[in-house]
Amino acid sequence: MAIHSSVIFGTDIEVGEYAVIEMGVRIGDRVTIGSHAVIKEGTVIGDDVEIGDHVILGKRPGSNKKMARKPATNLPSLLIDNGVVIGSHVTLYRGLSLAEGVFIGDHVSIREQIFIDRFTIIGRHAMIEPNTRIGKSVTIQTGCYVTADTVIEDHVFIGPCCSMSNDKYMASGKGTHTGPHIKTHAKIGNHATLLPAIVIGEYAVVGAGAVVTRDVPDRVVAVGNPARVKS
């Protein structure tokens, strides 16, 4: 293990083999840290948190000259609230905040400038891009891609392999980046595709495989490609 002398530990901490914990990290009580985990500078971890093997917490985003939209550089520390469970091979970036009881499955990547509210579930192999807000008690299932600039309200269900986009003109430099806005209690089926800036209404249902190109009103069912409201 490599643990910096400035790390603040609570009580009843378990740390696996070859873990690395950098300067200024704060860890609460009854935290379990898996083997080969890397916890980057300044990360704050609450009580009763479980961290899997081969996890990276507090990673800084990178970029290159080609990227038109550079990631933020002055990011706050990663914040992990009480009772969060983080699977193995997960990467969580600085500028992310996880509220109480969030569950993160294996092989998930969650970027910067994101807030995920209480008791939300993020399934295996999901990817969540920057500048996104996810409400409480949301379920995002295996293999989902949540684009940057997305809003997902409380109690939303998103089925496996759903994909979202935020750039109507596909890297042309035109327009602004705006992801979908999915309102409370909406349900999105397997392999649905949500195009930029669309709004999915409260209690709306989007069928499996649908391609949503326009707003879906509250309390309706939309299916097909392009998605249409069922009569």
C-alpha atoms as a PDB file:
ATOM      1  CA  MET A   1       0.000   0.000   0.000  1.00  0.00           C
ATOM      2  CA  ALA A   2       0.986   3.621  -0.560  1.00  0.00           C
ATOM      3  CA  ILE A   3      -0.858   5.978   1.763  1.00  0.00           C
ATOM      4  CA  HIS A   4       0.079   9.647   2.129  1.00  0.00           C
ATOM      5  CA  SER A   5       0.722  10.858   5.664  1.00  0.00           C
ATOM      6  CA  SER A   6      -1.934  13.585   5.338  1.00  0.00           C
ATOM      7  CA  VAL A   7      -4.823  11.126   4.829  1.00  0.00           C
ATOM      8  CA  ILE A   8      -7.533  11.406   7.501  1.00  0.00           C
ATOM      9  CA  PHE A   9      -8.999   8.013   8.450  1.00  0.00           C
ATOM     10  CA  GLY A  10     -12.128   7.219  10.431  1.00  0.00           C
ATOM     11  CA  THR A  11     -12.526   4.010  12.409  1.00  0.00           C
ATOM     12  CA  ASP A  12     -12.923   0.391  11.230  1.00  0.00           C
ATOM     13  CA  ILE A  13     -11.317   0.934   7.821  1.00  0.00           C
ATOM     14  CA  GLU A  14     -10.348  -2.024   5.613  1.00  0.00           C
ATOM     15  CA  VAL A  15      -7.819  -1.390   2.837  1.00  0.00           C
ATOM     16  CA  GLY A  16      -6.904  -4.059   0.277  1.00  0.00           C
ATOM     17  CA  GLU A  17      -3.484  -4.888  -1.117  1.00  0.00           C
ATOM     18  CA  TYR A  18      -1.599  -2.385  -3.300  1.00  0.00           C
ATOM     19  CA  ALA A  19      -4.102   0.437  -2.731  1.00  0.00           C
ATOM     20  CA  VAL A  20      -2.858   4.002  -3.301  1.00  0.00           C
ATOM     21  CA  ILE A  21      -4.349   6.870  -1.288  1.00  0.00           C
ATOM     22  CA  GLU A  22      -3.037  10.322  -2.132  1.00  0.00           C
ATOM     23  CA  MET A  23      -2.580  13.582  -0.249  1.00  0.00           C
ATOM     24  CA  GLY A  24      -5.517  15.212   1.513  1.00  0.00           C
ATOM     25  CA  VAL A  25      -7.991  12.338   1.188  1.00  0.00           C
ATOM     26  CA  ARG A  26     -10.627  12.084   3.941  1.00  0.00           C
ATOM     27  CA  ILE A  27     -12.243   8.738   4.714  1.00  0.00           C
ATOM     28  CA  GLY A  28     -15.150   8.186   7.122  1.00  0.00           C
ATOM     29  CA  ASP A  29     -15.970   5.273   9.420  1.00  0.00           C
ATOM     30  CA  ARG A  30     -16.500   1.633   8.382  1.00  0.00           C
ATOM     31  CA  VAL A  31     -15.191   2.086   4.836  1.00  0.00           C
ATOM     32  CA  THR A  32     -13.953  -0.873   2.766  1.00  0.00           C
ATOM     33  CA  ILE A  33     -11.389  -0.186   0.007  1.00  0.00           C
ATOM     34  CA  GLY A  34     -10.554  -2.930  -2.491  1.00  0.00           C
ATOM     35  CA  SER A  35      -7.171  -4.064  -3.747  1.00  0.00           C
ATOM     36  CA  HIS A  36      -5.375  -1.915  -6.330  1.00  0.00           C
ATOM     37  CA  ALA A  37      -7.779   0.989  -5.713  1.00  0.00           C
ATOM     38  CA  VAL A  38      -6.380   4.469  -6.400  1.00  0.00           C
ATOM     39  CA  ILE A  39      -7.902   7.376  -4.489  1.00  0.00           C
ATOM     40  CA  LYS A  40      -6.686  10.681  -5.879  1.00  0.00           C
ATOM     41  CA  GLU A  41      -5.811  13.883  -4.049  1.00  0.00           C
ATOM     42  CA  GLY A  42      -8.552  15.559  -1.995  1.00  0.00           C
ATOM     43  CA  THR A  43     -11.274  12.925  -2.427  1.00  0.00           C
ATOM     44  CA  VAL A  44     -13.834  12.908   0.408  1.00  0.00           C
ATOM     45  CA  ILE A  45     -15.495   9.615   1.358  1.00  0.00           C
ATOM     46  CA  GLY A  46     -18.326   9.313   3.896  1.00  0.00           C
ATOM     47  CA  ASP A  47     -19.219   6.537   6.312  1.00  0.00           C
ATOM     48  CA  ASP A  48     -20.157   2.941   5.385  1.00  0.00           C
ATOM     49  CA  VAL A  49     -18.850   3.212   1.818  1.00  0.00           C
ATOM     50  CA  GLU A  50     -17.795   0.087  -0.132  1.00  0.00           C
ATOM     51  CA  ILE A  51     -15.143   0.518  -2.849  1.00  0.00           C
ATOM     52  CA  GLY A  52     -14.303  -2.368  -5.181  1.00  0.00           C
ATOM     53  CA  ASP A  53     -11.019  -3.560  -6.636  1.00  0.00           C
ATOM     54  CA  HIS A  54      -9.129  -1.641  -9.359  1.00  0.00           C
ATOM     55  CA  VAL A  55     -11.153   1.545  -8.843  1.00  0.00           C
ATOM     56  CA  ILE A  56      -9.902   5.069  -9.633  1.00  0.00           C
ATOM     57  CA  LEU A  57     -11.544   7.820  -7.577  1.00  0.00           C
ATOM     58  CA  GLY A  58     -11.008  11.524  -8.272  1.00  0.00           C
ATOM     59  CA  LYS A  59      -9.419  11.258 -11.711  1.00  0.00           C
ATOM     60  CA  ARG A  60      -8.782  14.528 -13.566  1.00  0.00           C
ATOM     61  CA  PRO A  61     -10.144  14.746 -17.138  1.00  0.00           C
ATOM     62  CA  GLY A  62      -7.722  14.952 -20.044  1.00  0.00           C
ATOM     63  CA  SER A  63      -7.893  16.483 -23.520  1.00  0.00           C
ATOM     64  CA  ASN A  64      -5.945  17.041 -26.728  1.00  0.00           C
ATOM     65  CA  LYS A  65      -5.676  19.816 -29.328  1.00  0.00           C
ATOM     66  CA  LYS A  66      -8.473  18.439 -31.497  1.00  0.00           C
ATOM     67  CA  MET A  67     -11.119  18.629 -28.764  1.00  0.00           C
ATOM     68  CA  ALA A  68     -13.280  21.690 -29.394  1.00  0.00           C
ATOM     69  CA  ARG A  69     -14.902  21.445 -25.982  1.00  0.00           C
ATOM     70  CA  LYS A  70     -12.133  21.244 -23.423  1.00  0.00           C
ATOM     71  CA  PRO A  71     -12.961  19.791 -19.991  1.00  0.00           C
ATOM     72  CA  ALA A  72     -12.962  22.051 -16.959  1.00  0.00           C
ATOM     73  CA  THR A  73      -9.647  22.238 -15.127  1.00  0.00           C
ATOM     74  CA  ASN A  74     -10.561  23.936 -11.822  1.00  0.00           C
ATOM     75  CA  LEU A  75     -12.685  21.108 -10.457  1.00  0.00           C
ATOM     76  CA  PRO A  76     -13.669  20.497  -6.821  1.00  0.00           C
ATOM     77  CA  SER A  77     -12.814  17.225  -5.132  1.00  0.00           C
ATOM     78  CA  LEU A  78     -14.827  14.071  -5.690  1.00  0.00           C
ATOM     79  CA  LEU A  79     -17.455  13.801  -2.929  1.00  0.00           C
ATOM     80  CA  ILE A  80     -18.896  10.417  -1.920  1.00  0.00           C
ATOM     81  CA  ASP A  81     -21.666  10.461   0.686  1.00  0.00           C
ATOM     82  CA  ASN A  82     -22.562   7.816   3.269  1.00  0.00           C
ATOM     83  CA  GLY A  83     -23.566   4.313   2.227  1.00  0.00           C
ATOM     84  CA  VAL A  84     -22.403   4.510  -1.388  1.00  0.00           C
ATOM     85  CA  VAL A  85     -21.419   1.207  -3.014  1.00  0.00           C
ATOM     86  CA  ILE A  86     -18.869   1.286  -5.868  1.00  0.00           C
ATOM     87  CA  GLY A  87     -18.151  -1.837  -7.920  1.00  0.00           C
ATOM     88  CA  SER A  88     -14.855  -2.990  -9.401  1.00  0.00           C
ATOM     89  CA  HIS A  89     -12.989  -1.323 -12.303  1.00  0.00           C
ATOM     90  CA  VAL A  90     -14.939   1.933 -11.866  1.00  0.00           C
ATOM     91  CA  THR A  91     -13.565   5.386 -12.742  1.00  0.00           C
ATOM     92  CA  LEU A  92     -15.066   8.432 -11.005  1.00  0.00           C
ATOM     93  CA  TYR A  93     -13.774  11.917 -11.864  1.00  0.00           C
ATOM     94  CA  ARG A  94     -13.164  15.054  -9.816  1.00  0.00           C
ATOM     95  CA  GLY A  95     -16.121  17.424  -9.803  1.00  0.00           C
ATOM     96  CA  LEU A  96     -18.569  14.547  -9.235  1.00  0.00           C
ATOM     97  CA  SER A  97     -20.836  14.339  -6.189  1.00  0.00           C
ATOM     98  CA  LEU A  98     -22.593  11.113  -5.152  1.00  0.00           C
ATOM     99  CA  ALA A  99     -25.373  11.414  -2.583  1.00  0.00           C
ATOM    100  CA  GLU A 100     -26.285   8.897   0.111  1.00  0.00           C
ATOM    101  CA  GLY A 101     -26.899   5.293  -0.890  1.00  0.00           C
ATOM    102  CA  VAL A 102     -25.959   5.521  -4.570  1.00  0.00           C
ATOM    103  CA  PHE A 103     -24.990   2.177  -6.140  1.00  0.00           C
ATOM    104  CA  ILE A 104     -22.398   2.066  -8.943  1.00  0.00           C
ATOM    105  CA  GLY A 105     -21.968  -1.221 -10.846  1.00  0.00           C
ATOM    106  CA  ASP A 106     -18.730  -2.665 -12.219  1.00  0.00           C
ATOM    107  CA  HIS A 107     -16.863  -1.029 -15.135  1.00  0.00           C
ATOM    108  CA  VAL A 108     -18.758   2.282 -14.895  1.00  0.00           C
ATOM    109  CA  SER A 109     -17.252   5.653 -15.895  1.00  0.00           C
ATOM    110  CA  ILE A 110     -18.752   8.874 -14.487  1.00  0.00           C
ATOM    111  CA  ARG A 111     -17.251  12.194 -15.538  1.00  0.00           C
ATOM    112  CA  GLU A 112     -16.919  15.642 -13.925  1.00  0.00           C
ATOM    113  CA  GLN A 113     -19.555  18.320 -13.159  1.00  0.00           C
ATOM    114  CA  ILE A 114     -22.193  15.729 -12.252  1.00  0.00           C
ATOM    115  CA  PHE A 115     -24.512  15.313  -9.265  1.00  0.00           C
ATOM    116  CA  ILE A 116     -26.247  11.987  -8.606  1.00  0.00           C
ATOM    117  CA  ASP A 117     -28.925  12.088  -5.928  1.00  0.00           C
ATOM    118  CA  ARG A 118     -29.810   9.568  -3.214  1.00  0.00           C
ATOM    119  CA  PHE A 119     -30.344   5.849  -3.790  1.00  0.00           C
ATOM    120  CA  THR A 120     -29.867   5.961  -7.543  1.00  0.00           C
ATOM    121  CA  ILE A 121     -28.526   2.852  -9.302  1.00  0.00           C
ATOM    122  CA  ILE A 122     -26.010   2.999 -12.158  1.00  0.00           C
ATOM    123  CA  GLY A 123     -25.685  -0.384 -13.897  1.00  0.00           C
ATOM    124  CA  ARG A 124     -22.605  -2.188 -15.218  1.00  0.00           C
ATOM    125  CA  HIS A 125     -20.682  -0.642 -18.113  1.00  0.00           C
ATOM    126  CA  ALA A 126     -22.743   2.581 -18.062  1.00  0.00           C
ATOM    127  CA  MET A 127     -21.049   5.827 -19.048  1.00  0.00           C
ATOM    128  CA  ILE A 128     -22.196   9.255 -17.858  1.00  0.00           C
ATOM    129  CA  GLU A 129     -20.745  12.369 -19.472  1.00  0.00           C
ATOM    130  CA  PRO A 130     -20.115  15.845 -17.918  1.00  0.00           C
ATOM    131  CA  ASN A 131     -22.500  18.588 -16.843  1.00  0.00           C
ATOM    132  CA  THR A 132     -25.323  16.197 -16.025  1.00  0.00           C
ATOM    133  CA  ARG A 133     -27.743  15.998 -13.122  1.00  0.00           C
ATOM    134  CA  ILE A 134     -29.435  12.766 -12.065  1.00  0.00           C
ATOM    135  CA  GLY A 135     -32.225  12.739  -9.488  1.00  0.00           C
ATOM    136  CA  LYS A 136     -32.983  10.374  -6.646  1.00  0.00           C
ATOM    137  CA  SER A 137     -34.094   6.740  -6.928  1.00  0.00           C
ATOM    138  CA  VAL A 138     -33.240   6.626 -10.632  1.00  0.00           C
ATOM    139  CA  THR A 139     -32.310   3.322 -12.292  1.00  0.00           C
ATOM    140  CA  ILE A 140     -29.886   3.429 -15.229  1.00  0.00           C
ATOM    141  CA  GLN A 141     -29.320  -0.123 -16.399  1.00  0.00           C
ATOM    142  CA  THR A 142     -26.418  -1.971 -17.995  1.00  0.00           C
ATOM    143  CA  GLY A 143     -24.601  -0.422 -20.934  1.00  0.00           C
ATOM    144  CA  CYS A 144     -26.377   2.948 -21.035  1.00  0.00           C
ATOM    145  CA  TYR A 145     -24.719   6.038 -22.488  1.00  0.00           C
ATOM    146  CA  VAL A 146     -25.842   9.295 -20.855  1.00  0.00           C
ATOM    147  CA  THR A 147     -24.534  12.197 -22.906  1.00  0.00           C
ATOM    148  CA  ALA A 148     -23.220  15.469 -21.479  1.00  0.00           C
ATOM    149  CA  ASP A 149     -25.674  18.259 -20.571  1.00  0.00           C
ATOM    150  CA  THR A 150     -28.488  15.866 -19.638  1.00  0.00           C
ATOM    151  CA  VAL A 151     -31.118  16.220 -16.890  1.00  0.00           C
ATOM    152  CA  ILE A 152     -32.732  13.106 -15.425  1.00  0.00           C
ATOM    153  CA  GLU A 153     -35.347  13.805 -12.758  1.00  0.00           C
ATOM    154  CA  ASP A 154     -36.404  11.598  -9.807  1.00  0.00           C
ATOM    155  CA  HIS A 155     -37.673   7.988 -10.123  1.00  0.00           C
ATOM    156  CA  VAL A 156     -36.781   7.588 -13.802  1.00  0.00           C
ATOM    157  CA  PHE A 157     -36.122   4.087 -15.206  1.00  0.00           C
ATOM    158  CA  ILE A 158     -33.748   3.703 -18.165  1.00  0.00           C
ATOM    159  CA  GLY A 159     -33.458   0.222 -19.671  1.00  0.00           C
ATOM    160  CA  PRO A 160     -30.259  -1.461 -20.870  1.00  0.00           C
ATOM    161  CA  CYS A 161     -28.205   0.026 -23.715  1.00  0.00           C
ATOM    162  CA  CYS A 162     -30.150   3.270 -24.033  1.00  0.00           C
ATOM    163  CA  SER A 163     -28.130   5.907 -25.914  1.00  0.00           C
ATOM    164  CA  MET A 164     -28.427   9.702 -25.826  1.00  0.00           C
ATOM    165  CA  SER A 165     -26.919  12.547 -27.858  1.00  0.00           C
ATOM    166  CA  ASN A 166     -26.443  16.279 -27.270  1.00  0.00           C
ATOM    167  CA  ASP A 167     -25.038  17.617 -30.551  1.00  0.00           C
ATOM    168  CA  LYS A 168     -27.602  18.036 -33.341  1.00  0.00           C
ATOM    169  CA  TYR A 169     -24.927  18.961 -35.893  1.00  0.00           C
ATOM    170  CA  MET A 170     -22.357  16.292 -34.976  1.00  0.00           C
ATOM    171  CA  ALA A 171     -19.121  18.175 -34.239  1.00  0.00           C
ATOM    172  CA  SER A 172     -19.712  20.876 -36.875  1.00  0.00           C
ATOM    173  CA  GLY A 173     -19.342  23.703 -34.346  1.00  0.00           C
ATOM    174  CA  LYS A 174     -22.924  24.863 -34.931  1.00  0.00           C
ATOM    175  CA  GLY A 175     -25.509  25.285 -32.207  1.00  0.00           C
ATOM    176  CA  THR A 176     -25.213  24.472 -28.516  1.00  0.00           C
ATOM    177  CA  HIS A 177     -24.847  21.165 -26.738  1.00  0.00           C
ATOM    178  CA  THR A 178     -28.074  20.134 -25.000  1.00  0.00           C
ATOM    179  CA  GLY A 179     -28.845  16.610 -23.895  1.00  0.00           C
ATOM    180  CA  PRO A 180     -32.279  15.137 -23.206  1.00  0.00           C
ATOM    181  CA  HIS A 181     -34.412  16.203 -20.242  1.00  0.00           C
ATOM    182  CA  ILE A 182     -36.188  13.178 -18.778  1.00  0.00           C
ATOM    183  CA  LYS A 183     -38.906  14.107 -16.313  1.00  0.00           C
ATOM    184  CA  THR A 184     -39.986  12.356 -13.135  1.00  0.00           C
ATOM    185  CA  HIS A 185     -41.253   8.748 -13.292  1.00  0.00           C
ATOM    186  CA  ALA A 186     -40.589   8.397 -17.032  1.00  0.00           C
ATOM    187  CA  LYS A 187     -39.539   4.977 -18.335  1.00  0.00           C
ATOM    188  CA  ILE A 188     -37.214   4.362 -21.272  1.00  0.00           C
ATOM    189  CA  GLY A 189     -37.058   0.924 -22.925  1.00  0.00           C
ATOM    190  CA  ASN A 190     -34.078  -1.182 -23.984  1.00  0.00           C
ATOM    191  CA  HIS A 191     -31.915   0.198 -26.806  1.00  0.00           C
ATOM    192  CA  ALA A 192     -33.928   3.420 -27.139  1.00  0.00           C
ATOM    193  CA  THR A 193     -32.119   6.384 -28.719  1.00  0.00           C
ATOM    194  CA  LEU A 194     -32.789   9.917 -27.446  1.00  0.00           C
ATOM    195  CA  LEU A 195     -31.747  12.794 -29.713  1.00  0.00           C
ATOM    196  CA  PRO A 196     -30.473  16.215 -28.523  1.00  0.00           C
ATOM    197  CA  ALA A 197     -32.660  18.581 -26.497  1.00  0.00           C
ATOM    198  CA  ILE A 198     -35.771  16.389 -26.480  1.00  0.00           C
ATOM    199  CA  VAL A 199     -38.021  16.332 -23.389  1.00  0.00           C
ATOM    200  CA  ILE A 200     -39.560  13.106 -22.100  1.00  0.00           C
ATOM    201  CA  GLY A 201     -42.634  14.010 -20.050  1.00  0.00           C
ATOM    202  CA  GLU A 202     -43.646  12.875 -16.573  1.00  0.00           C
ATOM    203  CA  TYR A 203     -44.798   9.234 -16.402  1.00  0.00           C
ATOM    204  CA  ALA A 204     -44.188   8.860 -20.159  1.00  0.00           C
ATOM    205  CA  VAL A 205     -43.049   5.503 -21.550  1.00  0.00           C
ATOM    206  CA  VAL A 206     -40.622   5.154 -24.474  1.00  0.00           C
ATOM    207  CA  GLY A 207     -40.707   1.699 -26.036  1.00  0.00           C
ATOM    208  CA  ALA A 208     -37.755  -0.572 -26.671  1.00  0.00           C
ATOM    209  CA  GLY A 209     -35.722   0.395 -29.722  1.00  0.00           C
ATOM    210  CA  ALA A 210     -37.531   3.704 -30.227  1.00  0.00           C
ATOM    211  CA  VAL A 211     -35.678   6.647 -31.806  1.00  0.00           C
ATOM    212  CA  VAL A 212     -36.981   9.788 -30.127  1.00  0.00           C
ATOM    213  CA  THR A 213     -36.614  12.831 -32.397  1.00  0.00           C
ATOM    214  CA  ARG A 214     -39.179  15.130 -30.752  1.00  0.00           C
ATOM    215  CA  ASP A 215     -40.649  15.797 -27.305  1.00  0.00           C
ATOM    216  CA  VAL A 216     -42.824  13.120 -25.699  1.00  0.00           C
ATOM    217  CA  PRO A 217     -45.789  14.517 -23.687  1.00  0.00           C
ATOM    218  CA  ASP A 218     -46.639  13.522 -20.111  1.00  0.00           C
ATOM    219  CA  ARG A 219     -48.309  10.143 -19.497  1.00  0.00           C
ATOM    220  CA  VAL A 220     -48.189   8.730 -23.035  1.00  0.00           C
ATOM    221  CA  VAL A 221     -46.486   5.769 -24.701  1.00  0.00           C
ATOM    222  CA  ALA A 222     -44.162   6.472 -27.649  1.00  0.00           C
ATOM    223  CA  VAL A 223     -42.820   3.707 -29.908  1.00  0.00           C
ATOM    224  CA  GLY A 224     -41.076   3.239 -33.247  1.00  0.00           C
ATOM    225  CA  ASN A 225     -38.513   4.953 -35.472  1.00  0.00           C
ATOM    226  CA  PRO A 226     -39.114   7.832 -35.396  1.00  0.00           C
ATOM    227  CA  ALA A 227     -41.055   7.511 -32.153  1.00  0.00           C
ATOM    228  CA  ARG A 228     -44.783   8.264 -32.324  1.00  0.00           C
ATOM    229  CA  VAL A 229     -47.392   8.408 -29.564  1.00  0.00           C
ATOM    230  CA  LYS A 230     -49.595   5.310 -29.519  1.00  0.00           C
ATOM    231  CA  SER A 231     -53.270   6.102 -30.023  1.00  0.00           C
END
